[in-house]
C-alpha atoms as a PDB file:
ATOM      1  CA  UNK A   1     -29.177  -5.891 -16.385  1.00  0.00           C
ATOM      2  CA  UNK A   2     -26.024  -4.873 -15.101  1.00  0.00           C
ATOM      3  CA  UNK A   3     -24.296  -6.976 -12.263  1.00  0.00           C
ATOM      4  CA  UNK A   4     -21.432  -5.288 -10.743  1.00  0.00           C
ATOM      5  CA  UNK A   5     -19.437  -7.619  -8.425  1.00  0.00           C
ATOM      6  CA  UNK A   6     -16.565  -6.667  -5.983  1.00  0.00           C
ATOM      7  CA  UNK A   7     -14.046  -9.169  -6.073  1.00  0.00           C
ATOM      8  CA  UNK A   8     -13.608 -11.788  -3.291  1.00  0.00           C
ATOM      9  CA  UNK A   9     -11.178 -11.298  -0.571  1.00  0.00           C
ATOM     10  CA  UNK A  10      -7.389 -11.624  -0.768  1.00  0.00           C
ATOM     11  CA  UNK A  11      -4.550 -11.890   1.929  1.00  0.00           C
ATOM     12  CA  UNK A  12      -4.428  -7.932   1.800  1.00  0.00           C
ATOM     13  CA  UNK A  13      -8.265  -7.462   2.780  1.00  0.00           C
ATOM     14  CA  UNK A  14      -7.660  -9.976   5.471  1.00  0.00           C
ATOM     15  CA  UNK A  15      -4.932  -8.207   7.022  1.00  0.00           C
ATOM     16  CA  UNK A  16      -6.514  -4.655   6.772  1.00  0.00           C
ATOM     17  CA  UNK A  17      -3.947  -3.186   4.344  1.00  0.00           C
ATOM     18  CA  UNK A  18      -4.729  -0.891   1.512  1.00  0.00           C
ATOM     19  CA  UNK A  19      -4.877  -2.732  -1.698  1.00  0.00           C
ATOM     20  CA  UNK A  20      -4.423  -1.066  -5.020  1.00  0.00           C
ATOM     21  CA  UNK A  21      -2.415  -2.109  -8.088  1.00  0.00           C
ATOM     22  CA  UNK A  22       0.206  -4.084  -5.984  1.00  0.00           C
ATOM     23  CA  UNK A  23      -2.900  -6.349  -4.879  1.00  0.00           C
ATOM     24  CA  UNK A  24      -2.732 -10.169  -4.386  1.00  0.00           C
ATOM     25  CA  UNK A  25      -4.661 -12.769  -5.949  1.00  0.00           C
ATOM     26  CA  UNK A  26      -7.884 -14.474  -4.203  1.00  0.00           C
ATOM     27  CA  UNK A  27      -6.918 -16.232  -0.974  1.00  0.00           C
ATOM     28  CA  UNK A  28      -8.889 -19.563  -0.157  1.00  0.00           C
ATOM     29  CA  UNK A  29     -12.115 -17.334   1.603  1.00  0.00           C
ATOM     30  CA  UNK A  30     -12.074 -15.125  -1.831  1.00  0.00           C
ATOM     31  CA  UNK A  31     -12.414 -18.003  -4.137  1.00  0.00           C
ATOM     32  CA  UNK A  32     -15.002 -19.484  -1.940  1.00  0.00           C
ATOM     33  CA  UNK A  33     -16.960 -16.112  -1.855  1.00  0.00           C
ATOM     34  CA  UNK A  34     -16.811 -15.988  -5.666  1.00  0.00           C
ATOM     35  CA  UNK A  35     -18.020 -19.581  -5.666  1.00  0.00           C
ATOM     36  CA  UNK A  36     -20.965 -18.718  -3.422  1.00  0.00           C
ATOM     37  CA  UNK A  37     -21.762 -15.906  -5.507  1.00  0.00           C
ATOM     38  CA  UNK A  38     -21.891 -18.131  -8.795  1.00  0.00           C
ATOM     39  CA  UNK A  39     -24.180 -20.418  -7.374  1.00  0.00           C
ATOM     40  CA  UNK A  40     -26.434 -17.034  -6.231  1.00  0.00           C
ATOM     41  CA  UNK A  41     -26.163 -15.872  -9.771  1.00  0.00           C
ATOM     42  CA  UNK A  42     -26.684 -19.435 -11.503  1.00  0.00           C
ATOM     43  CA  UNK A  43     -29.899 -18.668 -12.812  1.00  0.00           C
ATOM     44  CA  UNK A  44     -28.190 -15.375 -15.072  1.00  0.00           C
ATOM     45  CA  UNK A  45     -26.963 -16.316 -18.581  1.00  0.00           C
ATOM     46  CA  UNK A  46     -24.459 -13.733 -18.793  1.00  0.00           C
ATOM     47  CA  UNK A  47     -23.750 -11.965 -22.217  1.00  0.00           C
ATOM     48  CA  UNK A  48     -20.697  -9.918 -21.422  1.00  0.00           C
ATOM     49  CA  UNK A  49     -18.041 -10.231 -18.664  1.00  0.00           C
ATOM     50  CA  UNK A  50     -15.989  -7.277 -18.245  1.00  0.00           C
ATOM     51  CA  UNK A  51     -13.291  -6.997 -15.531  1.00  0.00           C
ATOM     52  CA  UNK A  52     -10.365  -4.682 -14.107  1.00  0.00           C
ATOM     53  CA  UNK A  53      -7.005  -5.708 -15.064  1.00  0.00           C
ATOM     54  CA  UNK A  54      -6.073  -6.739 -11.439  1.00  0.00           C
ATOM     55  CA  UNK A  55      -5.848 -10.528 -10.805  1.00  0.00           C
ATOM     56  CA  UNK A  56      -8.333 -10.752  -7.853  1.00  0.00           C
ATOM     57  CA  UNK A  57     -11.004  -9.195 -10.170  1.00  0.00           C
ATOM     58  CA  UNK A  58     -10.445 -11.380 -13.076  1.00  0.00           C
ATOM     59  CA  UNK A  59     -10.641 -14.283 -11.008  1.00  0.00           C
ATOM     60  CA  UNK A  60     -13.863 -13.480  -9.352  1.00  0.00           C
ATOM     61  CA  UNK A  61     -15.480 -12.605 -13.010  1.00  0.00           C
ATOM     62  CA  UNK A  62     -14.559 -15.784 -14.434  1.00  0.00           C
ATOM     63  CA  UNK A  63     -15.838 -17.899 -11.253  1.00  0.00           C
ATOM     64  CA  UNK A  64     -18.938 -16.168 -11.100  1.00  0.00           C
ATOM     65  CA  UNK A  65     -19.643 -16.011 -14.480  1.00  0.00           C
ATOM     66  CA  UNK A  66     -17.993 -19.372 -16.213  1.00  0.00           C
ATOM     67  CA  UNK A  67     -16.829 -16.804 -18.986  1.00  0.00           C
ATOM     68  CA  UNK A  68     -13.244 -15.413 -19.855  1.00  0.00           C
ATOM     69  CA  UNK A  69     -13.410 -11.701 -18.838  1.00  0.00           C
ATOM     70  CA  UNK A  70     -12.450  -8.680 -21.103  1.00  0.00           C
ATOM     71  CA  UNK A  71     -10.358  -6.404 -19.418  1.00  0.00           C
ATOM     72  CA  UNK A  72     -10.516  -2.762 -19.473  1.00  0.00           C
ATOM     73  CA  UNK A  73      -7.740  -0.461 -17.886  1.00  0.00           C
ATOM     74  CA  UNK A  74     -10.641   1.929 -17.241  1.00  0.00           C
ATOM     75  CA  UNK A  75     -11.881  -0.547 -14.388  1.00  0.00           C
ATOM     76  CA  UNK A  76      -8.417  -0.555 -12.839  1.00  0.00           C
ATOM     77  CA  UNK A  77      -8.295   0.032  -9.085  1.00  0.00           C
ATOM     78  CA  UNK A  78      -7.845   3.634  -7.426  1.00  0.00           C
ATOM     79  CA  UNK A  79      -3.979   3.839  -7.776  1.00  0.00           C
ATOM     80  CA  UNK A  80      -2.925   4.448  -4.011  1.00  0.00           C
ATOM     81  CA  UNK A  81       0.632   5.189  -5.099  1.00  0.00           C
ATOM     82  CA  UNK A  82       3.189   4.785  -2.036  1.00  0.00           C
ATOM     83  CA  UNK A  83       0.437   4.026   0.272  1.00  0.00           C
ATOM     84  CA  UNK A  84      -0.157   0.626  -1.642  1.00  0.00           C
ATOM     85  CA  UNK A  85      -0.108  -2.336   0.869  1.00  0.00           C
ATOM     86  CA  UNK A  86       0.299  -0.041   3.730  1.00  0.00           C
ATOM     87  CA  UNK A  87      -2.025  -1.143   7.002  1.00  0.00           C
ATOM     88  CA  UNK A  88      -4.986   0.851   7.159  1.00  0.00           C
ATOM     89  CA  UNK A  89      -4.393   2.605  10.274  1.00  0.00           C
ATOM     90  CA  UNK A  90      -0.786   4.058   9.397  1.00  0.00           C
ATOM     91  CA  UNK A  91      -2.069   5.797   6.247  1.00  0.00           C
ATOM     92  CA  UNK A  92      -2.598   9.680   6.569  1.00  0.00           C
ATOM     93  CA  UNK A  93      -5.616  10.238   4.599  1.00  0.00           C
ATOM     94  CA  UNK A  94      -7.071  13.661   2.951  1.00  0.00           C
ATOM     95  CA  UNK A  95     -10.533  12.962   3.168  1.00  0.00           C
ATOM     96  CA  UNK A  96     -11.071   9.491   1.753  1.00  0.00           C
ATOM     97  CA  UNK A  97      -7.717   8.993  -0.378  1.00  0.00           C
ATOM     98  CA  UNK A  98      -4.159   8.723   1.251  1.00  0.00           C
ATOM     99  CA  UNK A  99      -2.831  12.282   1.358  1.00  0.00           C
ATOM    100  CA  UNK A 100      -1.051  12.900  -2.162  1.00  0.00           C
ATOM    101  CA  UNK A 101       1.392  15.669  -0.625  1.00  0.00           C
ATOM    102  CA  UNK A 102       2.962  12.590   1.335  1.00  0.00           C
ATOM    103  CA  UNK A 103       2.526   9.725  -1.010  1.00  0.00           C
ATOM    104  CA  UNK A 104       3.704   9.718  -4.549  1.00  0.00           C
ATOM    105  CA  UNK A 105       1.472   8.331  -7.236  1.00  0.00           C
ATOM    106  CA  UNK A 106      -2.015   8.711  -5.528  1.00  0.00           C
ATOM    107  CA  UNK A 107      -4.372   9.070  -8.173  1.00  0.00           C
ATOM    108  CA  UNK A 108      -6.300  12.159  -8.563  1.00  0.00           C
ATOM    109  CA  UNK A 109     -10.095  11.301  -7.759  1.00  0.00           C
ATOM    110  CA  UNK A 110     -11.611  13.574 -10.624  1.00  0.00           C
ATOM    111  CA  UNK A 111      -9.630  11.315 -13.130  1.00  0.00           C
ATOM    112  CA  UNK A 112     -10.514   8.257 -11.525  1.00  0.00           C
ATOM    113  CA  UNK A 113     -14.233   8.991 -11.853  1.00  0.00           C
ATOM    114  CA  UNK A 114     -13.829  10.222 -15.319  1.00  0.00           C
ATOM    115  CA  UNK A 115     -12.199   7.161 -16.403  1.00  0.00           C
ATOM    116  CA  UNK A 116     -14.509   4.978 -14.596  1.00  0.00           C
ATOM    117  CA  UNK A 117     -17.695   7.240 -16.066  1.00  0.00           C
ATOM    118  CA  UNK A 118     -15.974   6.859 -19.436  1.00  0.00           C
ATOM    119  CA  UNK A 119     -16.162   3.007 -19.614  1.00  0.00           C
ATOM    120  CA  UNK A 120     -19.870   2.850 -18.389  1.00  0.00           C
ATOM    121  CA  UNK A 121     -20.815   5.627 -20.839  1.00  0.00           C
ATOM    122  CA  UNK A 122     -19.431   3.494 -23.367  1.00  0.00           C
ATOM    123  CA  UNK A 123     -21.103   0.304 -22.208  1.00  0.00           C
ATOM    124  CA  UNK A 124     -24.230   2.210 -21.846  1.00  0.00           C
ATOM    125  CA  UNK A 125     -23.970   3.236 -25.738  1.00  0.00           C
ATOM    126  CA  UNK A 126     -23.304   0.098 -26.868  1.00  0.00           C
ATOM    127  CA  UNK A 127     -25.682  -1.931 -24.672  1.00  0.00           C
ATOM    128  CA  UNK A 128     -28.590   0.297 -23.721  1.00  0.00           C
ATOM    129  CA  UNK A 129     -31.986  -0.875 -24.816  1.00  0.00           C
ATOM    130  CA  UNK A 130     -30.926  -4.307 -25.429  1.00  0.00           C
ATOM    131  CA  UNK A 131     -31.883  -7.265 -23.418  1.00  0.00           C
ATOM    132  CA  UNK A 132     -28.458  -8.128 -22.049  1.00  0.00           C
ATOM    133  CA  UNK A 133     -26.910  -9.269 -18.875  1.00  0.00           C
ATOM    134  CA  UNK A 134     -23.509  -7.967 -18.336  1.00  0.00           C
ATOM    135  CA  UNK A 135     -21.094  -8.709 -15.405  1.00  0.00           C
ATOM    136  CA  UNK A 136     -18.530  -6.236 -14.493  1.00  0.00           C
ATOM    137  CA  UNK A 137     -15.885  -7.087 -11.771  1.00  0.00           C
ATOM    138  CA  UNK A 138     -14.122  -4.463 -10.141  1.00  0.00           C
ATOM    139  CA  UNK A 139     -13.078  -3.141  -6.495  1.00  0.00           C
ATOM    140  CA  UNK A 140     -14.448  -1.316  -3.591  1.00  0.00           C
ATOM    141  CA  UNK A 141     -13.551   2.257  -5.325  1.00  0.00           C
ATOM    142  CA  UNK A 142     -14.921   1.066  -8.745  1.00  0.00           C
ATOM    143  CA  UNK A 143     -18.017  -0.561  -7.824  1.00  0.00           C
ATOM    144  CA  UNK A 144     -18.569   2.491  -5.690  1.00  0.00           C
ATOM    145  CA  UNK A 145     -17.737   4.898  -8.640  1.00  0.00           C
ATOM    146  CA  UNK A 146     -20.078   2.734 -10.925  1.00  0.00           C
ATOM    147  CA  UNK A 147     -22.955   2.659  -8.209  1.00  0.00           C
ATOM    148  CA  UNK A 148     -22.380   6.802  -8.464  1.00  0.00           C
ATOM    149  CA  UNK A 149     -22.788   6.644 -12.273  1.00  0.00           C
ATOM    150  CA  UNK A 150     -26.364   5.268 -11.640  1.00  0.00           C
ATOM    151  CA  UNK A 151     -27.397   7.129  -8.515  1.00  0.00           C
ATOM    152  CA  UNK A 152     -25.353  10.169  -8.811  1.00  0.00           C
ATOM    153  CA  UNK A 153     -22.068  11.224  -6.812  1.00  0.00           C
ATOM    154  CA  UNK A 154     -23.490  11.835  -3.016  1.00  0.00           C
ATOM    155  CA  UNK A 155     -23.117  14.903  -1.580  1.00  0.00           C
ATOM    156  CA  UNK A 156     -20.447  14.155   0.710  1.00  0.00           C
ATOM    157  CA  UNK A 157     -18.538  12.749  -2.213  1.00  0.00           C
ATOM    158  CA  UNK A 158     -18.315   9.282  -0.650  1.00  0.00           C
ATOM    159  CA  UNK A 159     -18.355   6.836  -3.730  1.00  0.00           C
ATOM    160  CA  UNK A 160     -17.764   3.993  -1.255  1.00  0.00           C
ATOM    161  CA  UNK A 161     -21.080   3.861   0.132  1.00  0.00           C
ATOM    162  CA  UNK A 162     -22.373   2.366  -3.162  1.00  0.00           C
ATOM    163  CA  UNK A 163     -19.468  -0.433  -3.214  1.00  0.00           C
ATOM    164  CA  UNK A 164     -20.153  -3.939  -2.336  1.00  0.00           C
ATOM    165  CA  UNK A 165     -18.607  -6.218   0.297  1.00  0.00           C
ATOM    166  CA  UNK A 166     -15.909  -8.794  -1.004  1.00  0.00           C
ATOM    167  CA  UNK A 167     -17.787 -11.062  -3.438  1.00  0.00           C
ATOM    168  CA  UNK A 168     -20.883  -9.366  -3.409  1.00  0.00           C
ATOM    169  CA  UNK A 169     -22.852  -7.365  -5.829  1.00  0.00           C
ATOM    170  CA  UNK A 170     -25.297  -4.872  -6.754  1.00  0.00           C
ATOM    171  CA  UNK A 171     -27.503  -4.889  -9.710  1.00  0.00           C
ATOM    172  CA  UNK A 172     -28.236  -1.928 -12.044  1.00  0.00           C
ATOM    173  CA  UNK A 173     -29.974  -1.050 -15.501  1.00  0.00           C
ATOM    174  CA  UNK A 174     -29.207   1.698 -17.852  1.00  0.00           C
ATOM    175  CA  UNK A 175     -32.042   3.791 -18.831  1.00  0.00           C
END
Protein backbone atom coordinates (compact mmCIF):
# COMPACT_ATOMS: atom_id res chain seq x y z
CA UNK A 1 0.00 0.00 0.00
CA UNK A 2 1.20 3.50 -0.86
CA UNK A 3 0.44 6.18 1.73
CA UNK A 4 0.81 9.65 0.21
CA UNK A 5 1.06 12.29 2.93
CA UNK A 6 0.91 16.05 2.64
CA UNK A 7 3.21 17.83 5.06
CA UNK A 8 1.83 19.51 8.16
CA UNK A 9 1.14 23.23 8.42
CA UNK A 10 3.86 25.88 8.24
CA UNK A 11 3.61 29.58 9.02
CA UNK A 12 3.43 30.29 5.27
CA UNK A 13 0.37 28.01 4.96
CA UNK A 14 -1.20 29.80 7.91
CA UNK A 15 -0.51 33.23 6.37
CA UNK A 16 -2.03 32.26 3.01
CA UNK A 17 1.24 32.58 1.13
CA UNK A 18 2.45 30.47 -1.78
CA UNK A 19 5.06 28.07 -0.50
CA UNK A 20 7.54 26.53 -2.84
CA UNK A 21 11.23 25.87 -2.49
CA UNK A 22 11.72 28.82 -0.11
CA UNK A 23 9.40 27.10 2.34
CA UNK A 24 9.62 26.84 6.08
CA UNK A 25 9.71 24.04 8.64
CA UNK A 26 6.55 22.83 10.34
CA UNK A 27 5.03 25.15 12.91
CA UNK A 28 3.55 23.94 16.19
CA UNK A 29 0.22 23.10 14.53
CA UNK A 30 2.04 21.23 11.73
CA UNK A 31 4.00 19.13 14.22
CA UNK A 32 0.74 18.32 15.99
CA UNK A 33 -0.88 17.33 12.68
CA UNK A 34 2.02 14.95 11.97
CA UNK A 35 1.73 13.48 15.47
CA UNK A 36 -2.02 12.95 15.02
CA UNK A 37 -1.36 11.25 11.68
CA UNK A 38 1.31 9.05 13.32
CA UNK A 39 -1.33 7.93 15.83
CA UNK A 40 -3.85 7.33 13.04
CA UNK A 41 -1.35 5.16 11.11
CA UNK A 42 0.28 3.49 14.11
CA UNK A 43 -0.87 0.02 13.04
CA UNK A 44 1.05 0.35 9.74
CA UNK A 45 4.65 -0.86 9.61
CA UNK A 46 6.32 1.17 6.91
CA UNK A 47 8.90 -0.67 4.86
CA UNK A 48 10.02 2.41 2.92
CA UNK A 49 9.72 6.14 3.56
CA UNK A 50 10.39 8.70 0.83
CA UNK A 51 10.23 12.48 0.99
CA UNK A 52 10.63 15.67 -0.93
CA UNK A 53 13.88 17.45 -0.02
CA UNK A 54 11.89 20.23 1.68
CA UNK A 55 12.32 20.31 5.47
CA UNK A 56 8.56 20.40 6.14
CA UNK A 57 8.02 17.19 4.16
CA UNK A 58 11.00 15.43 5.77
CA UNK A 59 9.80 16.38 9.24
CA UNK A 60 6.32 15.07 8.49
CA UNK A 61 7.60 11.78 7.03
CA UNK A 62 9.87 11.10 9.98
CA UNK A 63 7.34 12.06 12.66
CA UNK A 64 4.64 9.91 11.05
CA UNK A 65 6.80 6.86 10.34
CA UNK A 66 9.45 7.00 13.07
CA UNK A 67 11.96 6.21 10.31
CA UNK A 68 14.60 8.18 8.44
CA UNK A 69 13.21 9.34 5.10
CA UNK A 70 14.98 8.73 1.80
CA UNK A 71 15.09 12.09 0.04
CA UNK A 72 14.29 12.17 -3.67
CA UNK A 73 14.54 15.42 -5.66
CA UNK A 74 11.82 14.23 -8.04
CA UNK A 75 9.37 14.70 -5.14
CA UNK A 76 10.33 18.36 -4.66
CA UNK A 77 7.60 20.96 -4.57
CA UNK A 78 6.57 22.75 -7.78
CA UNK A 79 9.02 25.61 -8.31
CA UNK A 80 7.06 28.85 -7.97
CA UNK A 81 10.04 31.00 -8.96
CA UNK A 82 9.63 34.65 -8.03
CA UNK A 83 6.06 34.06 -6.81
CA UNK A 84 7.36 31.96 -3.90
CA UNK A 85 6.21 33.34 -0.52
CA UNK A 86 3.84 35.92 -2.02
CA UNK A 87 0.28 36.14 -0.69
CA UNK A 88 -2.11 34.10 -2.80
CA UNK A 89 -4.37 37.08 -3.50
CA UNK A 90 -1.51 39.21 -4.87
CA UNK A 91 -0.24 36.62 -7.37
CA UNK A 92 -1.39 36.84 -10.97
CA UNK A 93 -2.14 33.34 -12.08
CA UNK A 94 -2.08 31.65 -15.45
CA UNK A 95 -4.51 28.81 -14.87
CA UNK A 96 -3.36 26.98 -11.76
CA UNK A 97 0.17 28.39 -11.59
CA UNK A 98 1.76 31.83 -11.21
CA UNK A 99 1.97 33.47 -14.62
CA UNK A 100 5.43 32.48 -15.95
CA UNK A 101 5.50 35.56 -18.16
CA UNK A 102 5.42 37.72 -15.02
CA UNK A 103 7.41 35.62 -12.52
CA UNK A 104 10.83 34.24 -13.47
CA UNK A 105 11.68 30.66 -12.58
CA UNK A 106 8.17 29.16 -12.56
CA UNK A 107 8.48 25.47 -13.42
CA UNK A 108 6.77 24.10 -16.52
CA UNK A 109 3.80 21.94 -15.53
CA UNK A 110 4.71 19.29 -18.10
CA UNK A 111 8.21 18.93 -16.61
CA UNK A 112 6.81 18.83 -13.07
CA UNK A 113 4.38 16.02 -13.93
CA UNK A 114 7.12 14.18 -15.80
CA UNK A 115 9.52 14.17 -12.81
CA UNK A 116 6.87 13.10 -10.28
CA UNK A 117 5.53 10.39 -12.62
CA UNK A 118 9.12 9.22 -13.18
CA UNK A 119 9.54 8.68 -9.43
CA UNK A 120 6.20 6.85 -9.24
CA UNK A 121 7.05 4.66 -12.24
CA UNK A 122 10.40 3.72 -10.69
CA UNK A 123 8.67 2.92 -7.39
CA UNK A 124 6.05 0.83 -9.19
CA UNK A 125 8.75 -1.10 -11.08
CA UNK A 126 10.62 -1.75 -7.85
CA UNK A 127 7.77 -2.47 -5.43
CA UNK A 128 4.81 -3.69 -7.50
CA UNK A 129 3.77 -7.17 -6.44
CA UNK A 130 5.55 -6.86 -3.10
CA UNK A 131 3.55 -6.76 0.09
CA UNK A 132 5.09 -3.49 1.27
CA UNK A 133 3.87 -0.31 2.90
CA UNK A 134 5.40 2.85 1.49
CA UNK A 135 5.01 6.33 2.91
CA UNK A 136 5.68 9.24 0.55
CA UNK A 137 5.69 12.74 2.02
CA UNK A 138 5.17 15.73 -0.21
CA UNK A 139 3.24 18.86 -0.94
CA UNK A 140 -0.17 19.87 -2.21
CA UNK A 141 1.13 19.81 -5.79
CA UNK A 142 3.13 16.56 -5.50
CA UNK A 143 0.44 14.65 -3.61
CA UNK A 144 -2.06 15.78 -6.25
CA UNK A 145 0.28 14.70 -9.03
CA UNK A 146 0.81 11.30 -7.38
CA UNK A 147 -2.97 10.92 -7.16
CA UNK A 148 -3.11 11.63 -10.90
CA UNK A 149 -0.55 8.87 -11.46
CA UNK A 150 -3.08 6.41 -10.04
CA UNK A 151 -6.35 8.03 -11.14
CA UNK A 152 -5.38 9.77 -14.37
CA UNK A 153 -4.94 13.43 -15.16
CA UNK A 154 -8.34 15.12 -14.80
CA UNK A 155 -10.00 16.60 -17.88
CA UNK A 156 -9.65 20.10 -16.43
CA UNK A 157 -5.93 19.39 -15.72
CA UNK A 158 -6.40 20.36 -12.05
CA UNK A 159 -4.08 17.92 -10.26
CA UNK A 160 -4.71 19.70 -6.96
CA UNK A 161 -8.13 18.03 -6.67
CA UNK A 162 -6.28 14.81 -5.75
CA UNK A 163 -4.17 16.40 -3.00
CA UNK A 164 -4.77 16.16 0.71
CA UNK A 165 -5.07 18.82 3.38
CA UNK A 166 -2.05 19.55 5.57
CA UNK A 167 -1.20 16.52 7.70
CA UNK A 168 -3.58 14.20 5.86
CA UNK A 169 -3.03 11.25 3.53
CA UNK A 170 -4.51 9.17 0.75
CA UNK A 171 -3.75 5.52 0.11
CA UNK A 172 -3.28 3.79 -3.24
CA UNK A 173 -2.02 0.47 -4.57
CA UNK A 174 0.18 -0.32 -7.53
CA UNK A 175 -1.64 -2.61 -9.96
